[in-house]
Amino acid sequence: MPARTKRTYNLSASTVRRVRELAEHYGAAKTQDGVVELAVERFYFEARDRAEGEQWAAAASDPEFQAEMAEIAEIYDQPETWPK
């Protein structure tokens, strides 16, 4: 089991109420800590995916990146470069 760290955060009363409801009434997780962990993990992946999407969008208009991708595609488009 991963190590746990005790932290204290100042949350609004409505957020605390929602965390409690998610755990107790909706079964989102077994504990309130579990609800917070799930929410943070979900938000983390959303933020990471959004940043990655922005990087790919920037790459689409980067001439150097496009040239490198064209070169790689050219190399792998030649059947003799693939192992048999």
PDB file of N, CA and C in Angstrom:
ATOM      1  N   MET A   1       0.849  -1.179   0.000  1.00  0.00           N
ATOM      2  CA  MET A   1       0.000   0.000   0.000  1.00  0.00           C
ATOM      3  C   MET A   1       0.896   1.244   0.000  1.00  0.00           C
ATOM      4  N   PRO A   2       0.599   2.219  -0.838  1.00  0.00           N
ATOM      5  CA  PRO A   2       1.407   3.440  -0.878  1.00  0.00           C
ATOM      6  C   PRO A   2       1.343   4.205   0.438  1.00  0.00           C
ATOM      7  N   ALA A   3       2.406   4.906   0.741  1.00  0.00           N
ATOM      8  CA  ALA A   3       2.447   5.707   1.965  1.00  0.00           C
ATOM      9  C   ALA A   3       1.400   6.811   1.900  1.00  0.00           C
ATOM     10  N   ARG A   4       0.834   7.119   3.016  1.00  0.00           N
ATOM     11  CA  ARG A   4      -0.192   8.165   3.113  1.00  0.00           C
ATOM     12  C   ARG A   4       0.423   9.373   3.798  1.00  0.00           C
ATOM     13  N   THR A   5      -0.023  10.549   3.431  1.00  0.00           N
ATOM     14  CA  THR A   5       0.432  11.793   4.049  1.00  0.00           C
ATOM     15  C   THR A   5      -0.787  12.562   4.524  1.00  0.00           C
ATOM     16  N   LYS A   6      -0.773  12.944   5.748  1.00  0.00           N
ATOM     17  CA  LYS A   6      -1.875  13.727   6.312  1.00  0.00           C
ATOM     18  C   LYS A   6      -1.695  15.178   5.899  1.00  0.00           C
ATOM     19  N   ARG A   7      -2.724  15.765   5.310  1.00  0.00           N
ATOM     20  CA  ARG A   7      -2.707  17.165   4.872  1.00  0.00           C
ATOM     21  C   ARG A   7      -3.966  17.836   5.372  1.00  0.00           C
ATOM     22  N   THR A   8      -3.910  19.121   5.514  1.00  0.00           N
ATOM     23  CA  THR A   8      -5.080  19.899   5.886  1.00  0.00           C
ATOM     24  C   THR A   8      -5.310  20.952   4.807  1.00  0.00           C
ATOM     25  N   TYR A   9      -6.524  20.995   4.291  1.00  0.00           N
ATOM     26  CA  TYR A   9      -6.891  21.981   3.281  1.00  0.00           C
ATOM     27  C   TYR A   9      -8.102  22.746   3.783  1.00  0.00           C
ATOM     28  N   ASN A  10      -8.183  23.987   3.437  1.00  0.00           N
ATOM     29  CA  ASN A  10      -9.341  24.809   3.781  1.00  0.00           C
ATOM     30  C   ASN A  10     -10.303  24.777   2.598  1.00  0.00           C
ATOM     31  N   LEU A  11     -11.370  24.042   2.756  1.00  0.00           N
ATOM     32  CA  LEU A  11     -12.363  23.882   1.697  1.00  0.00           C
ATOM     33  C   LEU A  11     -13.665  24.544   2.115  1.00  0.00           C
ATOM     34  N   SER A  12     -14.428  24.946   1.129  1.00  0.00           N
ATOM     35  CA  SER A  12     -15.732  25.548   1.433  1.00  0.00           C
ATOM     36  C   SER A  12     -16.653  24.479   2.005  1.00  0.00           C
ATOM     37  N   ALA A  13     -17.645  24.931   2.739  1.00  0.00           N
ATOM     38  CA  ALA A  13     -18.606  24.008   3.346  1.00  0.00           C
ATOM     39  C   ALA A  13     -19.325  23.189   2.278  1.00  0.00           C
ATOM     40  N   SER A  14     -19.624  23.806   1.135  1.00  0.00           N
ATOM     41  CA  SER A  14     -20.327  23.067   0.078  1.00  0.00           C
ATOM     42  C   SER A  14     -19.444  21.975  -0.523  1.00  0.00           C
ATOM     43  N   THR A  15     -18.159  22.234  -0.634  1.00  0.00           N
ATOM     44  CA  THR A  15     -17.257  21.209  -1.150  1.00  0.00           C
ATOM     45  C   THR A  15     -17.172  20.041  -0.178  1.00  0.00           C
ATOM     46  N   VAL A  16     -17.044  20.326   1.103  1.00  0.00           N
ATOM     47  CA  VAL A  16     -16.992  19.272   2.122  1.00  0.00           C
ATOM     48  C   VAL A  16     -18.287  18.463   2.088  1.00  0.00           C
ATOM     49  N   ARG A  17     -19.415  19.141   1.967  1.00  0.00           N
ATOM     50  CA  ARG A  17     -20.714  18.468   1.900  1.00  0.00           C
ATOM     51  C   ARG A  17     -20.778  17.559   0.666  1.00  0.00           C
ATOM     52  N   ARG A  18     -20.311  18.044  -0.457  1.00  0.00           N
ATOM     53  CA  ARG A  18     -20.343  17.242  -1.689  1.00  0.00           C
ATOM     54  C   ARG A  18     -19.431  16.024  -1.590  1.00  0.00           C
ATOM     55  N   VAL A  19     -18.252  16.201  -1.010  1.00  0.00           N
ATOM     56  CA  VAL A  19     -17.344  15.058  -0.823  1.00  0.00           C
ATOM     57  C   VAL A  19     -18.023  14.003   0.038  1.00  0.00           C
ATOM     58  N   ARG A  20     -18.633  14.430   1.125  1.00  0.00           N
ATOM     59  CA  ARG A  20     -19.331  13.508   2.027  1.00  0.00           C
ATOM     60  C   ARG A  20     -20.464  12.796   1.280  1.00  0.00           C
ATOM     61  N   GLU A  21     -21.251  13.551   0.520  1.00  0.00           N
ATOM     62  CA  GLU A  21     -22.362  12.958  -0.238  1.00  0.00           C
ATOM     63  C   GLU A  21     -21.854  11.959  -1.262  1.00  0.00           C
ATOM     64  N   LEU A  22     -20.795  12.321  -1.960  1.00  0.00           N
ATOM     65  CA  LEU A  22     -20.243  11.416  -2.971  1.00  0.00           C
ATOM     66  C   LEU A  22     -19.811  10.089  -2.354  1.00  0.00           C
ATOM     67  N   ALA A  23     -19.248  10.143  -1.168  1.00  0.00           N
ATOM     68  CA  ALA A  23     -18.811   8.918  -0.497  1.00  0.00           C
ATOM     69  C   ALA A  23     -19.984   8.148   0.106  1.00  0.00           C
ATOM     70  N   GLU A  24     -20.848   8.853   0.837  1.00  0.00           N
ATOM     71  CA  GLU A  24     -21.886   8.176   1.606  1.00  0.00           C
ATOM     72  C   GLU A  24     -23.136   7.825   0.805  1.00  0.00           C
ATOM     73  N   HIS A  25     -23.560   8.729  -0.060  1.00  0.00           N
ATOM     74  CA  HIS A  25     -24.831   8.514  -0.756  1.00  0.00           C
ATOM     75  C   HIS A  25     -24.670   7.966  -2.171  1.00  0.00           C
ATOM     76  N   TYR A  26     -23.611   8.323  -2.845  1.00  0.00           N
ATOM     77  CA  TYR A  26     -23.444   7.914  -4.234  1.00  0.00           C
ATOM     78  C   TYR A  26     -22.417   6.810  -4.413  1.00  0.00           C
ATOM     79  N   GLY A  27     -21.691   6.483  -3.354  1.00  0.00           N
ATOM     80  CA  GLY A  27     -20.721   5.394  -3.433  1.00  0.00           C
ATOM     81  C   GLY A  27     -19.595   5.634  -4.420  1.00  0.00           C
ATOM     82  N   ALA A  28     -19.243   6.886  -4.631  1.00  0.00           N
ATOM     83  CA  ALA A  28     -18.167   7.212  -5.576  1.00  0.00           C
ATOM     84  C   ALA A  28     -16.842   6.605  -5.122  1.00  0.00           C
ATOM     85  N   ALA A  29     -16.657   6.483  -3.829  1.00  0.00           N
ATOM     86  CA  ALA A  29     -15.484   5.849  -3.232  1.00  0.00           C
ATOM     87  C   ALA A  29     -15.893   5.381  -1.845  1.00  0.00           C
ATOM     88  N   LYS A  30     -15.066   4.519  -1.258  1.00  0.00           N
ATOM     89  CA  LYS A  30     -15.402   3.981   0.064  1.00  0.00           C
ATOM     90  C   LYS A  30     -15.271   5.023   1.169  1.00  0.00           C
ATOM     91  N   THR A  31     -14.394   6.007   0.963  1.00  0.00           N
ATOM     92  CA  THR A  31     -14.148   7.025   1.987  1.00  0.00           C
ATOM     93  C   THR A  31     -14.135   8.411   1.359  1.00  0.00           C
ATOM     94  N   GLN A  32     -14.199   9.424   2.208  1.00  0.00           N
ATOM     95  CA  GLN A  32     -14.087  10.797   1.719  1.00  0.00           C
ATOM     96  C   GLN A  32     -12.695  11.035   1.130  1.00  0.00           C
ATOM     97  N   ASP A  33     -11.670  10.460   1.756  1.00  0.00           N
ATOM     98  CA  ASP A  33     -10.316  10.573   1.192  1.00  0.00           C
ATOM     99  C   ASP A  33     -10.275   9.980  -0.212  1.00  0.00           C
ATOM    100  N   GLY A  34     -10.975   8.857  -0.379  1.00  0.00           N
ATOM    101  CA  GLY A  34     -11.020   8.216  -1.692  1.00  0.00           C
ATOM    102  C   GLY A  34     -11.679   9.101  -2.736  1.00  0.00           C
ATOM    103  N   VAL A  35     -12.729   9.807  -2.341  1.00  0.00           N
ATOM    104  CA  VAL A  35     -13.403  10.734  -3.261  1.00  0.00           C
ATOM    105  C   VAL A  35     -12.431  11.821  -3.703  1.00  0.00           C
ATOM    106  N   VAL A  36     -11.710  12.388  -2.745  1.00  0.00           N
ATOM    107  CA  VAL A  36     -10.754  13.457  -3.074  1.00  0.00           C
ATOM    108  C   VAL A  36      -9.661  12.916  -3.982  1.00  0.00           C
ATOM    109  N   GLU A  37      -9.138  11.725  -3.683  1.00  0.00           N
ATOM    110  CA  GLU A  37      -8.094  11.141  -4.528  1.00  0.00           C
ATOM    111  C   GLU A  37      -8.592  10.919  -5.951  1.00  0.00           C
ATOM    112  N   LEU A  38      -9.807  10.387  -6.085  1.00  0.00           N
ATOM    113  CA  LEU A  38     -10.367  10.174  -7.424  1.00  0.00           C
ATOM    114  C   LEU A  38     -10.545  11.490  -8.173  1.00  0.00           C
ATOM    115  N   ALA A  39     -11.034  12.501  -7.474  1.00  0.00           N
ATOM    116  CA  ALA A  39     -11.266  13.795  -8.118  1.00  0.00           C
ATOM    117  C   ALA A  39      -9.962  14.425  -8.572  1.00  0.00           C
ATOM    118  N   VAL A  40      -8.949  14.372  -7.713  1.00  0.00           N
ATOM    119  CA  VAL A  40      -7.657  14.964  -8.074  1.00  0.00           C
ATOM    120  C   VAL A  40      -7.030  14.189  -9.227  1.00  0.00           C
ATOM    121  N   GLU A  41      -7.108  12.867  -9.178  1.00  0.00           N
ATOM    122  CA  GLU A  41      -6.543  12.056 -10.266  1.00  0.00           C
ATOM    123  C   GLU A  41      -7.234  12.375 -11.586  1.00  0.00           C
ATOM    124  N   ARG A  42      -8.548  12.467 -11.564  1.00  0.00           N
ATOM    125  CA  ARG A  42      -9.301  12.777 -12.784  1.00  0.00           C
ATOM    126  C   ARG A  42      -8.925  14.162 -13.319  1.00  0.00           C
ATOM    127  N   PHE A  43      -8.863  15.145 -12.434  1.00  0.00           N
ATOM    128  CA  PHE A  43      -8.501  16.492 -12.840  1.00  0.00           C
ATOM    129  C   PHE A  43      -7.073  16.536 -13.377  1.00  0.00           C
ATOM    130  N   TYR A  44      -6.167  15.789 -12.744  1.00  0.00           N
ATOM    131  CA  TYR A  44      -4.779  15.726 -13.195  1.00  0.00           C
ATOM    132  C   TYR A  44      -4.706  15.207 -14.624  1.00  0.00           C
ATOM    133  N   PHE A  45      -5.382  14.083 -14.904  1.00  0.00           N
ATOM    134  CA  PHE A  45      -5.339  13.517 -16.247  1.00  0.00           C
ATOM    135  C   PHE A  45      -5.992  14.441 -17.272  1.00  0.00           C
ATOM    136  N   GLU A  46      -7.066  15.121 -16.897  1.00  0.00           N
ATOM    137  CA  GLU A  46      -7.696  16.087 -17.806  1.00  0.00           C
ATOM    138  C   GLU A  46      -6.735  17.225 -18.138  1.00  0.00           C
ATOM    139  N   ALA A  47      -6.056  17.749 -17.117  1.00  0.00           N
ATOM    140  CA  ALA A  47      -5.100  18.846 -17.335  1.00  0.00           C
ATOM    141  C   ALA A  47      -3.927  18.376 -18.176  1.00  0.00           C
ATOM    142  N   ARG A  48      -3.417  17.176 -17.879  1.00  0.00           N
ATOM    143  CA  ARG A  48      -2.294  16.632 -18.653  1.00  0.00           C
ATOM    144  C   ARG A  48      -2.688  16.398 -20.109  1.00  0.00           C
ATOM    145  N   ASP A  49      -3.866  15.831 -20.328  1.00  0.00           N
ATOM    146  CA  ASP A  49      -4.328  15.579 -21.699  1.00  0.00           C
ATOM    147  C   ASP A  49      -4.544  16.877 -22.460  1.00  0.00           C
ATOM    148  N   ARG A  50      -5.064  17.895 -21.776  1.00  0.00           N
ATOM    149  CA  ARG A  50      -5.269  19.194 -22.418  1.00  0.00           C
ATOM    150  C   ARG A  50      -3.924  19.803 -22.820  1.00  0.00           C
ATOM    151  N   ALA A  51      -2.933  19.730 -21.931  1.00  0.00           N
ATOM    152  CA  ALA A  51      -1.598  20.268 -22.236  1.00  0.00           C
ATOM    153  C   ALA A  51      -0.968  19.499 -23.387  1.00  0.00           C
ATOM    154  N   GLU A  52      -1.145  18.187 -23.392  1.00  0.00           N
ATOM    155  CA  GLU A  52      -0.593  17.383 -24.491  1.00  0.00           C
ATOM    156  C   GLU A  52      -1.267  17.743 -25.811  1.00  0.00           C
ATOM    157  N   GLY A  53      -2.566  17.958 -25.773  1.00  0.00           N
ATOM    158  CA  GLY A  53      -3.279  18.374 -26.980  1.00  0.00           C
ATOM    159  C   GLY A  53      -2.780  19.706 -27.509  1.00  0.00           C
ATOM    160  N   GLU A  54      -2.491  20.618 -26.589  1.00  0.00           N
ATOM    161  CA  GLU A  54      -1.945  21.918 -26.993  1.00  0.00           C
ATOM    162  C   GLU A  54      -0.568  21.756 -27.622  1.00  0.00           C
ATOM    163  N   GLN A  55       0.237  20.829 -27.085  1.00  0.00           N
ATOM    164  CA  GLN A  55       1.561  20.587 -27.662  1.00  0.00           C
ATOM    165  C   GLN A  55       1.453  20.004 -29.071  1.00  0.00           C
ATOM    166  N   TRP A  56       0.521  19.060 -29.261  1.00  0.00           N
ATOM    167  CA  TRP A  56       0.342  18.496 -30.598  1.00  0.00           C
ATOM    168  C   TRP A  56      -0.183  19.557 -31.573  1.00  0.00           C
ATOM    169  N   ALA A  57      -1.059  20.428 -31.105  1.00  0.00           N
ATOM    170  CA  ALA A  57      -1.564  21.501 -31.967  1.00  0.00           C
ATOM    171  C   ALA A  57      -0.431  22.435 -32.377  1.00  0.00           C
ATOM    172  N   ALA A  58       0.448  22.747 -31.432  1.00  0.00           N
ATOM    173  CA  ALA A  58       1.599  23.596 -31.751  1.00  0.00           C
ATOM    174  C   ALA A  58       2.531  22.887 -32.727  1.00  0.00           C
ATOM    175  N   ALA A  59       2.712  21.586 -32.539  1.00  0.00           N
ATOM    176  CA  ALA A  59       3.587  20.820 -33.433  1.00  0.00           C
ATOM    177  C   ALA A  59       3.047  20.802 -34.865  1.00  0.00           C
ATOM    178  N   ALA A  60       1.720  20.820 -34.980  1.00  0.00           N
ATOM    179  CA  ALA A  60       1.114  20.785 -36.313  1.00  0.00           C
ATOM    180  C   ALA A  60       1.478  22.012 -37.139  1.00  0.00           C
ATOM    181  N   SER A  61       1.833  23.103 -36.486  1.00  0.00           N
ATOM    182  CA  SER A  61       2.203  24.309 -37.237  1.00  0.00           C
ATOM    183  C   SER A  61       3.699  24.615 -37.135  1.00  0.00           C
ATOM    184  N   ASP A  62       4.475  23.665 -36.627  1.00  0.00           N
ATOM    185  CA  ASP A  62       5.916  23.839 -36.490  1.00  0.00           C
ATOM    186  C   ASP A  62       6.617  23.219 -37.699  1.00  0.00           C
ATOM    187  N   PRO A  63       7.219  24.046 -38.553  1.00  0.00           N
ATOM    188  CA  PRO A  63       7.848  23.521 -39.771  1.00  0.00           C
ATOM    189  C   PRO A  63       8.960  22.500 -39.488  1.00  0.00           C
ATOM    190  N   GLU A  64       9.741  22.707 -38.453  1.00  0.00           N
ATOM    191  CA  GLU A  64      10.808  21.757 -38.125  1.00  0.00           C
ATOM    192  C   GLU A  64      10.227  20.401 -37.723  1.00  0.00           C
ATOM    193  N   PHE A  65       9.195  20.418 -36.904  1.00  0.00           N
ATOM    194  CA  PHE A  65       8.558  19.170 -36.490  1.00  0.00           C
ATOM    195  C   PHE A  65       7.951  18.469 -37.694  1.00  0.00           C
ATOM    196  N   GLN A  66       7.266  19.218 -38.533  1.00  0.00           N
ATOM    197  CA  GLN A  66       6.648  18.623 -39.720  1.00  0.00           C
ATOM    198  C   GLN A  66       7.699  18.001 -40.646  1.00  0.00           C
ATOM    199  N   ALA A  67       8.838  18.681 -40.819  1.00  0.00           N
ATOM    200  CA  ALA A  67       9.913  18.144 -41.657  1.00  0.00           C
ATOM    201  C   ALA A  67      10.466  16.851 -41.062  1.00  0.00           C
ATOM    202  N   GLU A  68      10.639  16.833 -39.750  1.00  0.00           N
ATOM    203  CA  GLU A  68      11.152  15.628 -39.087  1.00  0.00           C
ATOM    204  C   GLU A  68      10.163  14.469 -39.237  1.00  0.00           C
ATOM    205  N   MET A  69       8.873  14.746 -39.078  1.00  0.00           N
ATOM    206  CA  MET A  69       7.864  13.699 -39.221  1.00  0.00           C
ATOM    207  C   MET A  69       7.812  13.180 -40.662  1.00  0.00           C
ATOM    208  N   ALA A  70       7.960  14.075 -41.632  1.00  0.00           N
ATOM    209  CA  ALA A  70       7.975  13.663 -43.038  1.00  0.00           C
ATOM    210  C   ALA A  70       9.175  12.765 -43.309  1.00  0.00           C
ATOM    211  N   GLU A  71      10.319  13.113 -42.723  1.00  0.00           N
ATOM    212  CA  GLU A  71      11.534  12.304 -42.902  1.00  0.00           C
ATOM    213  C   GLU A  71      11.352  10.914 -42.296  1.00  0.00           C
ATOM    214  N   ILE A  72      10.777  10.854 -41.108  1.00  0.00           N
ATOM    215  CA  ILE A  72      10.541   9.558 -40.462  1.00  0.00           C
ATOM    216  C   ILE A  72       9.548   8.736 -41.272  1.00  0.00           C
ATOM    217  N   ALA A  73       8.494   9.367 -41.742  1.00  0.00           N
ATOM    218  CA  ALA A  73       7.502   8.663 -42.555  1.00  0.00           C
ATOM    219  C   ALA A  73       8.132   8.121 -43.825  1.00  0.00           C
ATOM    220  N   GLU A  74       9.005   8.889 -44.421  1.00  0.00           N
ATOM    221  CA  GLU A  74       9.702   8.453 -45.640  1.00  0.00           C
ATOM    222  C   GLU A  74      10.550   7.218 -45.357  1.00  0.00           C
ATOM    223  N   ILE A  75      11.256   7.223 -44.254  1.00  0.00           N
ATOM    224  CA  ILE A  75      12.118   6.088 -43.897  1.00  0.00           C
ATOM    225  C   ILE A  75      11.284   4.827 -43.692  1.00  0.00           C
ATOM    226  N   TYR A  76      10.206   4.943 -42.951  1.00  0.00           N
ATOM    227  CA  TYR A  76       9.398   3.763 -42.643  1.00  0.00           C
ATOM    228  C   TYR A  76       8.431   3.396 -43.762  1.00  0.00           C
ATOM    229  N   ASP A  77       8.352   4.197 -44.788  1.00  0.00           N
ATOM    230  CA  ASP A  77       7.506   3.886 -45.932  1.00  0.00           C
ATOM    231  C   ASP A  77       8.240   3.011 -46.936  1.00  0.00           C
ATOM    232  N   GLN A  78       9.501   2.756 -46.676  1.00  0.00           N
ATOM    233  CA  GLN A  78      10.320   1.926 -47.587  1.00  0.00           C
ATOM    234  C   GLN A  78      10.311   0.496 -47.061  1.00  0.00           C
ATOM    235  N   PRO A  79       9.724  -0.433 -47.800  1.00  0.00           N
ATOM    236  CA  PRO A  79       9.573  -1.805 -47.321  1.00  0.00           C
ATOM    237  C   PRO A  79      10.895  -2.478 -46.927  1.00  0.00           C
ATOM    238  N   GLU A  80      11.981  -2.119 -47.597  1.00  0.00           N
ATOM    239  CA  GLU A  80      13.246  -2.782 -47.288  1.00  0.00           C
ATOM    240  C   GLU A  80      13.804  -2.405 -45.918  1.00  0.00           C
ATOM    241  N   THR A  81      13.253  -1.398 -45.269  1.00  0.00           N
ATOM    242  CA  THR A  81      13.735  -1.001 -43.942  1.00  0.00           C
ATOM    243  C   THR A  81      13.079  -1.814 -42.834  1.00  0.00           C
ATOM    244  N   TRP A  82      12.022  -2.527 -43.151  1.00  0.00           N
ATOM    245  CA  TRP A  82      11.329  -3.321 -42.139  1.00  0.00           C
ATOM    246  C   TRP A  82      11.930  -4.725 -42.071  1.00  0.00           C
ATOM    247  N   PRO A  83      12.122  -5.253 -40.875  1.00  0.00           N
ATOM    248  CA  PRO A  83      12.644  -6.623 -40.760  1.00  0.00           C
ATOM    249  C   PRO A  83      11.646  -7.631 -41.308  1.00  0.00           C
ATOM    250  N   LYS A  84      12.181  -8.726 -41.817  1.00  0.00           N
ATOM    251  CA  LYS A  84      11.297  -9.781 -42.367  1.00  0.00           C
ATOM    252  C   LYS A  84      11.326 -11.002 -41.507  1.00  0.00           C
TER     253      LYS A  84
END
